Amino acid sequence: MAIFDRDFAQFFLEQMPRAAYESAAKPFGGTPQRRRFLDRNYEDTFNQYLGQLGGQAREGFVPDLNWGDFTQNFDFNRAFYQSPREQRGDSERQFNPNTRFLYGF
């Protein structure tokens, strides 16, 4: 049995956008690397949401996409793997450092 009705939960998630983002991303953020990516990528995800709202308005429709539904349907894995390696914390330099630092040249 739900403690709150659906309308209140939807209202809460709309008023607390970071809570909606974190709850939708929770299954994705299992590793520290992915957790850092989620923390850095919140603004980009929110900007994509605003872009979709703007697209609805431009097409002549009333923007009715809410943030909670957007985050529930957002593909965090795709966003993670399509981002640059440095943004997801996966850098070649951590496995292949400059030799001058190893040998002091």
PDB file of N, CA and C in Angstrom:
ATOM      1  N   MET A   1       0.842  -1.183   0.000  1.00  0.00           N
ATOM      2  CA  MET A   1       0.000   0.000   0.000  1.00  0.00           C
ATOM      3  C   MET A   1       0.883   1.242   0.000  1.00  0.00           C
ATOM      4  N   ALA A   2       0.581   2.154  -0.876  1.00  0.00           N
ATOM      5  CA  ALA A   2       1.354   3.386  -0.969  1.00  0.00           C
ATOM      6  C   ALA A   2       0.949   4.351   0.138  1.00  0.00           C
ATOM      7  N   ILE A   3       1.940   4.991   0.695  1.00  0.00           N
ATOM      8  CA  ILE A   3       1.678   5.972   1.746  1.00  0.00           C
ATOM      9  C   ILE A   3       1.092   7.244   1.144  1.00  0.00           C
ATOM     10  N   PHE A   4       1.638   7.670   0.003  1.00  0.00           N
ATOM     11  CA  PHE A   4       1.175   8.886  -0.653  1.00  0.00           C
ATOM     12  C   PHE A   4       0.459   8.508  -1.943  1.00  0.00           C
ATOM     13  N   ASP A   5      -0.461   9.346  -2.346  1.00  0.00           N
ATOM     14  CA  ASP A   5      -1.075   9.091  -3.641  1.00  0.00           C
ATOM     15  C   ASP A   5      -0.120   9.544  -4.752  1.00  0.00           C
ATOM     16  N   ARG A   6      -0.386   9.114  -5.946  1.00  0.00           N
ATOM     17  CA  ARG A   6       0.492   9.365  -7.100  1.00  0.00           C
ATOM     18  C   ARG A   6       0.664  10.861  -7.367  1.00  0.00           C
ATOM     19  N   ASP A   7      -0.387  11.641  -7.204  1.00  0.00           N
ATOM     20  CA  ASP A   7      -0.297  13.074  -7.471  1.00  0.00           C
ATOM     21  C   ASP A   7       0.677  13.764  -6.528  1.00  0.00           C
ATOM     22  N   PHE A   8       0.648  13.373  -5.241  1.00  0.00           N
ATOM     23  CA  PHE A   8       1.572  14.001  -4.296  1.00  0.00           C
ATOM     24  C   PHE A   8       3.010  13.592  -4.601  1.00  0.00           C
ATOM     25  N   ALA A   9       3.214  12.329  -4.926  1.00  0.00           N
ATOM     26  CA  ALA A   9       4.564  11.873  -5.254  1.00  0.00           C
ATOM     27  C   ALA A   9       5.087  12.597  -6.487  1.00  0.00           C
ATOM     28  N   GLN A  10       4.244  12.758  -7.495  1.00  0.00           N
ATOM     29  CA  GLN A  10       4.632  13.467  -8.707  1.00  0.00           C
ATOM     30  C   GLN A  10       4.959  14.930  -8.387  1.00  0.00           C
ATOM     31  N   PHE A  11       4.141  15.549  -7.555  1.00  0.00           N
ATOM     32  CA  PHE A  11       4.376  16.937  -7.148  1.00  0.00           C
ATOM     33  C   PHE A  11       5.704  17.052  -6.407  1.00  0.00           C
ATOM     34  N   PHE A  12       5.976  16.127  -5.511  1.00  0.00           N
ATOM     35  CA  PHE A  12       7.222  16.149  -4.750  1.00  0.00           C
ATOM     36  C   PHE A  12       8.428  16.042  -5.669  1.00  0.00           C
ATOM     37  N   LEU A  13       8.369  15.111  -6.632  1.00  0.00           N
ATOM     38  CA  LEU A  13       9.505  14.929  -7.533  1.00  0.00           C
ATOM     39  C   LEU A  13       9.701  16.127  -8.449  1.00  0.00           C
ATOM     40  N   GLU A  14       8.627  16.814  -8.783  1.00  0.00           N
ATOM     41  CA  GLU A  14       8.756  18.018  -9.593  1.00  0.00           C
ATOM     42  C   GLU A  14       9.372  19.165  -8.786  1.00  0.00           C
ATOM     43  N   GLN A  15       9.083  19.223  -7.504  1.00  0.00           N
ATOM     44  CA  GLN A  15       9.619  20.283  -6.645  1.00  0.00           C
ATOM     45  C   GLN A  15      11.053  20.007  -6.214  1.00  0.00           C
ATOM     46  N   MET A  16      11.442  18.751  -6.227  1.00  0.00           N
ATOM     47  CA  MET A  16      12.790  18.339  -5.818  1.00  0.00           C
ATOM     48  C   MET A  16      13.460  17.614  -6.985  1.00  0.00           C
ATOM     49  N   PRO A  17      13.932  18.356  -7.995  1.00  0.00           N
ATOM     50  CA  PRO A  17      14.449  17.696  -9.196  1.00  0.00           C
ATOM     51  C   PRO A  17      15.663  16.809  -8.927  1.00  0.00           C
ATOM     52  N   ARG A  18      16.486  17.190  -7.974  1.00  0.00           N
ATOM     53  CA  ARG A  18      17.667  16.353  -7.699  1.00  0.00           C
ATOM     54  C   ARG A  18      17.244  15.007  -7.102  1.00  0.00           C
ATOM     55  N   ALA A  19      16.163  15.002  -6.315  1.00  0.00           N
ATOM     56  CA  ALA A  19      15.660  13.746  -5.737  1.00  0.00           C
ATOM     57  C   ALA A  19      15.155  12.815  -6.834  1.00  0.00           C
ATOM     58  N   ALA A  20      14.471  13.360  -7.823  1.00  0.00           N
ATOM     59  CA  ALA A  20      13.986  12.539  -8.940  1.00  0.00           C
ATOM     60  C   ALA A  20      15.165  11.976  -9.728  1.00  0.00           C
ATOM     61  N   TYR A  21      16.175  12.800  -9.948  1.00  0.00           N
ATOM     62  CA  TYR A  21      17.363  12.363 -10.690  1.00  0.00           C
ATOM     63  C   TYR A  21      18.094  11.256  -9.939  1.00  0.00           C
ATOM     64  N   GLU A  22      18.330  11.475  -8.662  1.00  0.00           N
ATOM     65  CA  GLU A  22      19.058  10.487  -7.866  1.00  0.00           C
ATOM     66  C   GLU A  22      18.303   9.166  -7.757  1.00  0.00           C
ATOM     67  N   SER A  23      16.990   9.229  -7.589  1.00  0.00           N
ATOM     68  CA  SER A  23      16.231   7.989  -7.451  1.00  0.00           C
ATOM     69  C   SER A  23      16.189   7.218  -8.769  1.00  0.00           C
ATOM     70  N   ALA A  24      16.124   7.914  -9.893  1.00  0.00           N
ATOM     71  CA  ALA A  24      16.125   7.229 -11.187  1.00  0.00           C
ATOM     72  C   ALA A  24      17.504   6.681 -11.523  1.00  0.00           C
ATOM     73  N   ALA A  25      18.565   7.355 -11.076  1.00  0.00           N
ATOM     74  CA  ALA A  25      19.928   6.954 -11.405  1.00  0.00           C
ATOM     75  C   ALA A  25      20.506   5.952 -10.407  1.00  0.00           C
ATOM     76  N   LYS A  26      19.813   5.670  -9.336  1.00  0.00           N
ATOM     77  CA  LYS A  26      20.358   4.803  -8.297  1.00  0.00           C
ATOM     78  C   LYS A  26      20.803   3.433  -8.811  1.00  0.00           C
ATOM     79  N   PRO A  27      20.024   2.744  -9.651  1.00  0.00           N
ATOM     80  CA  PRO A  27      20.504   1.444 -10.137  1.00  0.00           C
ATOM     81  C   PRO A  27      21.749   1.550 -11.010  1.00  0.00           C
ATOM     82  N   PHE A  28      21.958   2.688 -11.645  1.00  0.00           N
ATOM     83  CA  PHE A  28      23.096   2.876 -12.534  1.00  0.00           C
ATOM     84  C   PHE A  28      24.388   3.156 -11.772  1.00  0.00           C
ATOM     85  N   GLY A  29      24.320   3.919 -10.696  1.00  0.00           N
ATOM     86  CA  GLY A  29      25.518   4.422 -10.032  1.00  0.00           C
ATOM     87  C   GLY A  29      26.150   3.487  -9.032  1.00  0.00           C
ATOM     88  N   GLY A  30      26.489   2.280  -9.434  1.00  0.00           N
ATOM     89  CA  GLY A  30      27.045   1.300  -8.511  1.00  0.00           C
ATOM     90  C   GLY A  30      28.519   1.471  -8.201  1.00  0.00           C
ATOM     91  N   THR A  31      29.299   1.972  -9.145  1.00  0.00           N
ATOM     92  CA  THR A  31      30.737   2.110  -8.937  1.00  0.00           C
ATOM     93  C   THR A  31      31.077   3.564  -8.646  1.00  0.00           C
ATOM     94  N   PRO A  32      32.208   3.817  -8.004  1.00  0.00           N
ATOM     95  CA  PRO A  32      32.607   5.208  -7.750  1.00  0.00           C
ATOM     96  C   PRO A  32      32.758   6.017  -9.038  1.00  0.00           C
ATOM     97  N   GLN A  33      33.240   5.375 -10.096  1.00  0.00           N
ATOM     98  CA  GLN A  33      33.404   6.050 -11.378  1.00  0.00           C
ATOM     99  C   GLN A  33      32.036   6.510 -11.916  1.00  0.00           C
ATOM    100  N   ARG A  34      31.047   5.659 -11.860  1.00  0.00           N
ATOM    101  CA  ARG A  34      29.714   6.018 -12.333  1.00  0.00           C
ATOM    102  C   ARG A  34      29.055   7.044 -11.413  1.00  0.00           C
ATOM    103  N   ARG A  35      29.328   6.949 -10.129  1.00  0.00           N
ATOM    104  CA  ARG A  35      28.771   7.913  -9.177  1.00  0.00           C
ATOM    105  C   ARG A  35      29.283   9.320  -9.476  1.00  0.00           C
ATOM    106  N   ARG A  36      30.594   9.430  -9.733  1.00  0.00           N
ATOM    107  CA  ARG A  36      31.172  10.730 -10.096  1.00  0.00           C
ATOM    108  C   ARG A  36      30.576  11.245 -11.399  1.00  0.00           C
ATOM    109  N   PHE A  37      30.361  10.338 -12.358  1.00  0.00           N
ATOM    110  CA  PHE A  37      29.755  10.735 -13.622  1.00  0.00           C
ATOM    111  C   PHE A  37      28.358  11.304 -13.390  1.00  0.00           C
ATOM    112  N   LEU A  38      27.568  10.645 -12.560  1.00  0.00           N
ATOM    113  CA  LEU A  38      26.213  11.125 -12.277  1.00  0.00           C
ATOM    114  C   LEU A  38      26.237  12.494 -11.611  1.00  0.00           C
ATOM    115  N   ASP A  39      27.164  12.685 -10.693  1.00  0.00           N
ATOM    116  CA  ASP A  39      27.262  13.983 -10.022  1.00  0.00           C
ATOM    117  C   ASP A  39      27.616  15.091 -11.005  1.00  0.00           C
ATOM    118  N   ARG A  40      28.496  14.799 -11.946  1.00  0.00           N
ATOM    119  CA  ARG A  40      28.921  15.802 -12.921  1.00  0.00           C
ATOM    120  C   ARG A  40      27.897  16.000 -14.035  1.00  0.00           C
ATOM    121  N   ASN A  41      27.072  15.001 -14.287  1.00  0.00           N
ATOM    122  CA  ASN A  41      26.203  15.013 -15.459  1.00  0.00           C
ATOM    123  C   ASN A  41      24.791  15.518 -15.164  1.00  0.00           C
ATOM    124  N   TYR A  42      24.489  15.885 -13.943  1.00  0.00           N
ATOM    125  CA  TYR A  42      23.138  16.314 -13.592  1.00  0.00           C
ATOM    126  C   TYR A  42      22.692  17.510 -14.438  1.00  0.00           C
ATOM    127  N   GLU A  43      23.537  18.508 -14.560  1.00  0.00           N
ATOM    128  CA  GLU A  43      23.169  19.704 -15.309  1.00  0.00           C
ATOM    129  C   GLU A  43      22.932  19.383 -16.782  1.00  0.00           C
ATOM    130  N   ASP A  44      23.765  18.519 -17.365  1.00  0.00           N
ATOM    131  CA  ASP A  44      23.578  18.146 -18.761  1.00  0.00           C
ATOM    132  C   ASP A  44      22.249  17.427 -18.967  1.00  0.00           C
ATOM    133  N   THR A  45      21.899  16.558 -18.032  1.00  0.00           N
ATOM    134  CA  THR A  45      20.632  15.832 -18.125  1.00  0.00           C
ATOM    135  C   THR A  45      19.463  16.796 -18.010  1.00  0.00           C
ATOM    136  N   PHE A  46      19.559  17.739 -17.082  1.00  0.00           N
ATOM    137  CA  PHE A  46      18.486  18.719 -16.916  1.00  0.00           C
ATOM    138  C   PHE A  46      18.356  19.598 -18.161  1.00  0.00           C
ATOM    139  N   ASN A  47      19.477  19.938 -18.783  1.00  0.00           N
ATOM    140  CA  ASN A  47      19.429  20.727 -20.009  1.00  0.00           C
ATOM    141  C   ASN A  47      18.784  19.953 -21.156  1.00  0.00           C
ATOM    142  N   GLN A  48      18.995  18.646 -21.209  1.00  0.00           N
ATOM    143  CA  GLN A  48      18.324  17.824 -22.223  1.00  0.00           C
ATOM    144  C   GLN A  48      16.816  17.830 -21.992  1.00  0.00           C
ATOM    145  N   TYR A  49      16.414  17.783 -20.732  1.00  0.00           N
ATOM    146  CA  TYR A  49      14.995  17.845 -20.387  1.00  0.00           C
ATOM    147  C   TYR A  49      14.393  19.183 -20.837  1.00  0.00           C
ATOM    148  N   LEU A  50      15.082  20.272 -20.552  1.00  0.00           N
ATOM    149  CA  LEU A  50      14.596  21.585 -20.973  1.00  0.00           C
ATOM    150  C   LEU A  50      14.531  21.683 -22.498  1.00  0.00           C
ATOM    151  N   GLY A  51      15.482  21.052 -23.170  1.00  0.00           N
ATOM    152  CA  GLY A  51      15.461  21.027 -24.625  1.00  0.00           C
ATOM    153  C   GLY A  51      14.244  20.293 -25.171  1.00  0.00           C
ATOM    154  N   GLN A  52      13.863  19.208 -24.521  1.00  0.00           N
ATOM    155  CA  GLN A  52      12.666  18.490 -24.972  1.00  0.00           C
ATOM    156  C   GLN A  52      11.406  19.308 -24.714  1.00  0.00           C
ATOM    157  N   LEU A  53      11.371  20.020 -23.589  1.00  0.00           N
ATOM    158  CA  LEU A  53      10.230  20.907 -23.334  1.00  0.00           C
ATOM    159  C   LEU A  53      10.145  21.999 -24.393  1.00  0.00           C
ATOM    160  N   GLY A  54      11.283  22.577 -24.717  1.00  0.00           N
ATOM    161  CA  GLY A  54      11.321  23.595 -25.754  1.00  0.00           C
ATOM    162  C   GLY A  54      10.905  23.047 -27.110  1.00  0.00           C
ATOM    163  N   GLY A  55      11.298  21.823 -27.407  1.00  0.00           N
ATOM    164  CA  GLY A  55      10.903  21.191 -28.659  1.00  0.00           C
ATOM    165  C   GLY A  55       9.399  20.995 -28.739  1.00  0.00           C
ATOM    166  N   GLN A  56       8.782  20.604 -27.615  1.00  0.00           N
ATOM    167  CA  GLN A  56       7.326  20.456 -27.594  1.00  0.00           C
ATOM    168  C   GLN A  56       6.649  21.804 -27.846  1.00  0.00           C
ATOM    169  N   ALA A  57       7.169  22.845 -27.208  1.00  0.00           N
ATOM    170  CA  ALA A  57       6.580  24.175 -27.377  1.00  0.00           C
ATOM    171  C   ALA A  57       6.763  24.677 -28.810  1.00  0.00           C
ATOM    172  N   ARG A  58       7.929  24.437 -29.388  1.00  0.00           N
ATOM    173  CA  ARG A  58       8.201  24.865 -30.758  1.00  0.00           C
ATOM    174  C   ARG A  58       7.283  24.190 -31.774  1.00  0.00           C
ATOM    175  N   GLU A  59       6.921  22.948 -31.490  1.00  0.00           N
ATOM    176  CA  GLU A  59       6.028  22.215 -32.387  1.00  0.00           C
ATOM    177  C   GLU A  59       4.568  22.603 -32.208  1.00  0.00           C
ATOM    178  N   GLY A  60       4.299  23.491 -31.257  1.00  0.00           N
ATOM    179  CA  GLY A  60       2.942  23.979 -31.060  1.00  0.00           C
ATOM    180  C   GLY A  60       2.148  23.215 -30.018  1.00  0.00           C
ATOM    181  N   PHE A  61       2.810  22.332 -29.278  1.00  0.00           N
ATOM    182  CA  PHE A  61       2.132  21.565 -28.240  1.00  0.00           C
ATOM    183  C   PHE A  61       2.369  22.211 -26.882  1.00  0.00           C
ATOM    184  N   VAL A  62       1.488  21.953 -25.954  1.00  0.00           N
ATOM    185  CA  VAL A  62       1.686  22.406 -24.585  1.00  0.00           C
ATOM    186  C   VAL A  62       2.743  21.496 -23.965  1.00  0.00           C
ATOM    187  N   PRO A  63       3.837  22.056 -23.451  1.00  0.00           N
ATOM    188  CA  PRO A  63       4.877  21.206 -22.859  1.00  0.00           C
ATOM    189  C   PRO A  63       4.324  20.462 -21.633  1.00  0.00           C
ATOM    190  N   ASP A  64       4.206  19.152 -21.757  1.00  0.00           N
ATOM    191  CA  ASP A  64       3.608  18.378 -20.673  1.00  0.00           C
ATOM    192  C   ASP A  64       4.538  17.296 -20.123  1.00  0.00           C
ATOM    193  N   LEU A  65       5.767  17.262 -20.599  1.00  0.00           N
ATOM    194  CA  LEU A  65       6.728  16.284 -20.091  1.00  0.00           C
ATOM    195  C   LEU A  65       7.185  16.713 -18.707  1.00  0.00           C
ATOM    196  N   ASN A  66       7.042  15.829 -17.724  1.00  0.00           N
ATOM    197  CA  ASN A  66       7.516  16.208 -16.392  1.00  0.00           C
ATOM    198  C   ASN A  66       8.866  15.555 -16.107  1.00  0.00           C
ATOM    199  N   TRP A  67       9.580  16.151 -15.193  1.00  0.00           N
ATOM    200  CA  TRP A  67      10.953  15.758 -14.896  1.00  0.00           C
ATOM    201  C   TRP A  67      11.033  14.328 -14.374  1.00  0.00           C
ATOM    202  N   GLY A  68      10.087  13.922 -13.548  1.00  0.00           N
ATOM    203  CA  GLY A  68      10.099  12.562 -13.005  1.00  0.00           C
ATOM    204  C   GLY A  68       9.998  11.515 -14.098  1.00  0.00           C
ATOM    205  N   ASP A  69       9.107  11.721 -15.052  1.00  0.00           N
ATOM    206  CA  ASP A  69       8.968  10.773 -16.161  1.00  0.00           C
ATOM    207  C   ASP A  69      10.203  10.804 -17.069  1.00  0.00           C
ATOM    208  N   PHE A  70      10.761  11.991 -17.271  1.00  0.00           N
ATOM    209  CA  PHE A  70      11.960  12.097 -18.104  1.00  0.00           C
ATOM    210  C   PHE A  70      13.109  11.301 -17.501  1.00  0.00           C
ATOM    211  N   THR A  71      13.331  11.442 -16.194  1.00  0.00           N
ATOM    212  CA  THR A  71      14.448  10.720 -15.574  1.00  0.00           C
ATOM    213  C   THR A  71      14.188   9.217 -15.525  1.00  0.00           C
ATOM    214  N   GLN A  72      12.931   8.807 -15.382  1.00  0.00           N
ATOM    215  CA  GLN A  72      12.619   7.372 -15.376  1.00  0.00           C
ATOM    216  C   GLN A  72      12.922   6.739 -16.726  1.00  0.00           C
ATOM    217  N   ASN A  73      12.759   7.496 -17.808  1.00  0.00           N
ATOM    218  CA  ASN A  73      12.980   6.965 -19.148  1.00  0.00           C
ATOM    219  C   ASN A  73      14.359   7.302 -19.705  1.00  0.00           C
ATOM    220  N   PHE A  74      15.171   8.019 -18.941  1.00  0.00           N
ATOM    221  CA  PHE A  74      16.494   8.437 -19.414  1.00  0.00           C
ATOM    222  C   PHE A  74      17.442   7.235 -19.390  1.00  0.00           C
ATOM    223  N   ASP A  75      18.208   7.072 -20.453  1.00  0.00           N
ATOM    224  CA  ASP A  75      19.154   5.958 -20.560  1.00  0.00           C
ATOM    225  C   ASP A  75      20.520   6.404 -20.029  1.00  0.00           C
ATOM    226  N   PHE A  76      20.763   6.140 -18.754  1.00  0.00           N
ATOM    227  CA  PHE A  76      22.013   6.563 -18.121  1.00  0.00           C
ATOM    228  C   PHE A  76      23.213   5.818 -18.691  1.00  0.00           C
ATOM    229  N   ASN A  77      23.033   4.547 -19.035  1.00  0.00           N
ATOM    230  CA  ASN A  77      24.140   3.790 -19.632  1.00  0.00           C
ATOM    231  C   ASN A  77      24.584   4.395 -20.949  1.00  0.00           C
ATOM    232  N   ARG A  78      23.642   4.742 -21.799  1.00  0.00           N
ATOM    233  CA  ARG A  78      23.981   5.336 -23.093  1.00  0.00           C
ATOM    234  C   ARG A  78      24.686   6.670 -22.897  1.00  0.00           C
ATOM    235  N   ALA A  79      24.186   7.494 -21.981  1.00  0.00           N
ATOM    236  CA  ALA A  79      24.821   8.786 -21.708  1.00  0.00           C
ATOM    237  C   ALA A  79      26.244   8.587 -21.191  1.00  0.00           C
ATOM    238  N   PHE A  80      26.442   7.566 -20.364  1.00  0.00           N
ATOM    239  CA  PHE A  80      27.764   7.284 -19.805  1.00  0.00           C
ATOM    240  C   PHE A  80      28.748   6.884 -20.901  1.00  0.00           C
ATOM    241  N   TYR A  81      28.350   5.948 -21.747  1.00  0.00           N
ATOM    242  CA  TYR A  81      29.278   5.443 -22.750  1.00  0.00           C
ATOM    243  C   TYR A  81      29.443   6.368 -23.950  1.00  0.00           C
ATOM    244  N   GLN A  82      28.529   7.296 -24.173  1.00  0.00           N
ATOM    245  CA  GLN A  82      28.684   8.255 -25.260  1.00  0.00           C
ATOM    246  C   GLN A  82      29.459   9.503 -24.829  1.00  0.00           C
ATOM    247  N   SER A  83      29.695   9.651 -23.557  1.00  0.00           N
ATOM    248  CA  SER A  83      30.439  10.811 -23.072  1.00  0.00           C
ATOM    249  C   SER A  83      31.937  10.591 -23.314  1.00  0.00           C
ATOM    250  N   PRO A  84      32.712  11.662 -23.370  1.00  0.00           N
ATOM    251  CA  PRO A  84      34.161  11.519 -23.542  1.00  0.00           C
ATOM    252  C   PRO A  84      34.778  10.735 -22.390  1.00  0.00           C
ATOM    253  N   ARG A  85      35.839  10.025 -22.668  1.00  0.00           N
ATOM    254  CA  ARG A  85      36.482   9.177 -21.655  1.00  0.00           C
ATOM    255  C   ARG A  85      36.876   9.969 -20.410  1.00  0.00           C
ATOM    256  N   GLU A  86      37.360  11.178 -20.610  1.00  0.00           N
ATOM    257  CA  GLU A  86      37.781  11.985 -19.470  1.00  0.00           C
ATOM    258  C   GLU A  86      36.601  12.350 -18.584  1.00  0.00           C
ATOM    259  N   GLN A  87      35.437  12.573 -19.186  1.00  0.00           N
ATOM    260  CA  GLN A  87      34.262  12.949 -18.403  1.00  0.00           C
ATOM    261  C   GLN A  87      33.749  11.786 -17.559  1.00  0.00           C
ATOM    262  N   ARG A  88      33.918  10.575 -18.044  1.00  0.00           N
ATOM    263  CA  ARG A  88      33.465   9.426 -17.253  1.00  0.00           C
ATOM    264  C   ARG A  88      34.551   8.891 -16.327  1.00  0.00           C
ATOM    265  N   GLY A  89      35.709   9.553 -16.290  1.00  0.00           N
ATOM    266  CA  GLY A  89      36.767   9.160 -15.370  1.00  0.00           C
ATOM    267  C   GLY A  89      37.593   8.002 -15.870  1.00  0.00           C
ATOM    268  N   ASP A  90      37.547   7.751 -17.156  1.00  0.00           N
ATOM    269  CA  ASP A  90      38.268   6.639 -17.757  1.00  0.00           C
ATOM    270  C   ASP A  90      39.348   7.211 -18.655  1.00  0.00           C
ATOM    271  N   SER A  91      40.504   7.410 -18.096  1.00  0.00           N
ATOM    272  CA  SER A  91      41.578   8.050 -18.840  1.00  0.00           C
ATOM    273  C   SER A  91      42.712   7.062 -19.073  1.00  0.00           C
ATOM    274  N   GLU A  92      43.319   7.133 -20.242  1.00  0.00           N
ATOM    275  CA  GLU A  92      44.467   6.276 -20.526  1.00  0.00           C
ATOM    276  C   GLU A  92      45.672   6.656 -19.670  1.00  0.00           C
ATOM    277  N   ARG A  93      45.721   7.888 -19.234  1.00  0.00           N
ATOM    278  CA  ARG A  93      46.880   8.358 -18.481  1.00  0.00           C
ATOM    279  C   ARG A  93      47.025   7.653 -17.137  1.00  0.00           C
ATOM    280  N   GLN A  94      45.950   7.146 -16.600  1.00  0.00           N
ATOM    281  CA  GLN A  94      46.080   6.462 -15.323  1.00  0.00           C
ATOM    282  C   GLN A  94      46.813   5.130 -15.485  1.00  0.00           C
ATOM    283  N   PHE A  95      46.800   4.553 -16.698  1.00  0.00           N
ATOM    284  CA  PHE A  95      47.505   3.302 -16.953  1.00  0.00           C
ATOM    285  C   PHE A  95      48.785   3.520 -17.747  1.00  0.00           C
ATOM    286  N   ASN A  96      48.934   4.689 -18.331  1.00  0.00           N
ATOM    287  CA  ASN A  96      50.066   4.981 -19.185  1.00  0.00           C
ATOM    288  C   ASN A  96      50.601   6.378 -18.851  1.00  0.00           C
ATOM    289  N   PRO A  97      51.214   6.553 -17.677  1.00  0.00           N
ATOM    290  CA  PRO A  97      51.690   7.890 -17.304  1.00  0.00           C
ATOM    291  C   PRO A  97      52.910   8.300 -18.127  1.00  0.00           C
ATOM    292  N   ASN A  98      53.200   9.585 -18.112  1.00  0.00           N
ATOM    293  CA  ASN A  98      54.390  10.077 -18.803  1.00  0.00           C
ATOM    294  C   ASN A  98      55.635   9.463 -18.182  1.00  0.00           C
ATOM    295  N   THR A  99      56.607   9.081 -19.018  1.00  0.00           N
ATOM    296  CA  THR A  99      57.818   8.443 -18.494  1.00  0.00           C
ATOM    297  C   THR A  99      58.705   9.425 -17.742  1.00  0.00           C
ATOM    298  N   ARG A 100      58.617  10.694 -18.040  1.00  0.00           N
ATOM    299  CA  ARG A 100      59.475  11.642 -17.324  1.00  0.00           C
ATOM    300  C   ARG A 100      59.158  11.658 -15.834  1.00  0.00           C
ATOM    301  N   PHE A 101      57.908  11.344 -15.467  1.00  0.00           N
ATOM    302  CA  PHE A 101      57.573  11.283 -14.057  1.00  0.00           C
ATOM    303  C   PHE A 101      58.035   9.993 -13.423  1.00  0.00           C
ATOM    304  N   LEU A 102      58.174   8.946 -14.223  1.00  0.00           N
ATOM    305  CA  LEU A 102      58.649   7.675 -13.690  1.00  0.00           C
ATOM    306  C   LEU A 102      60.157   7.655 -13.498  1.00  0.00           C
ATOM    307  N   TYR A 103      60.867   8.275 -14.436  1.00  0.00           N
ATOM    308  CA  TYR A 103      62.321   8.173 -14.428  1.00  0.00           C
ATOM    309  C   TYR A 103      63.026   9.476 -14.130  1.00  0.00           C
ATOM    310  N   GLY A 104      62.314  10.558 -14.039  1.00  0.00           N
ATOM    311  CA  GLY A 104      62.908  11.837 -13.684  1.00  0.00           C
ATOM    312  C   GLY A 104      63.715  12.484 -14.784  1.00  0.00           C
ATOM    313  N   PHE A 105      63.429  12.199 -16.030  1.00  0.00           N
ATOM    314  CA  PHE A 105      64.169  12.831 -17.135  1.00  0.00           C
ATOM    315  C   PHE A 105      63.801  14.272 -17.290  1.00  0.00           C
TER     316      PHE A 105
END
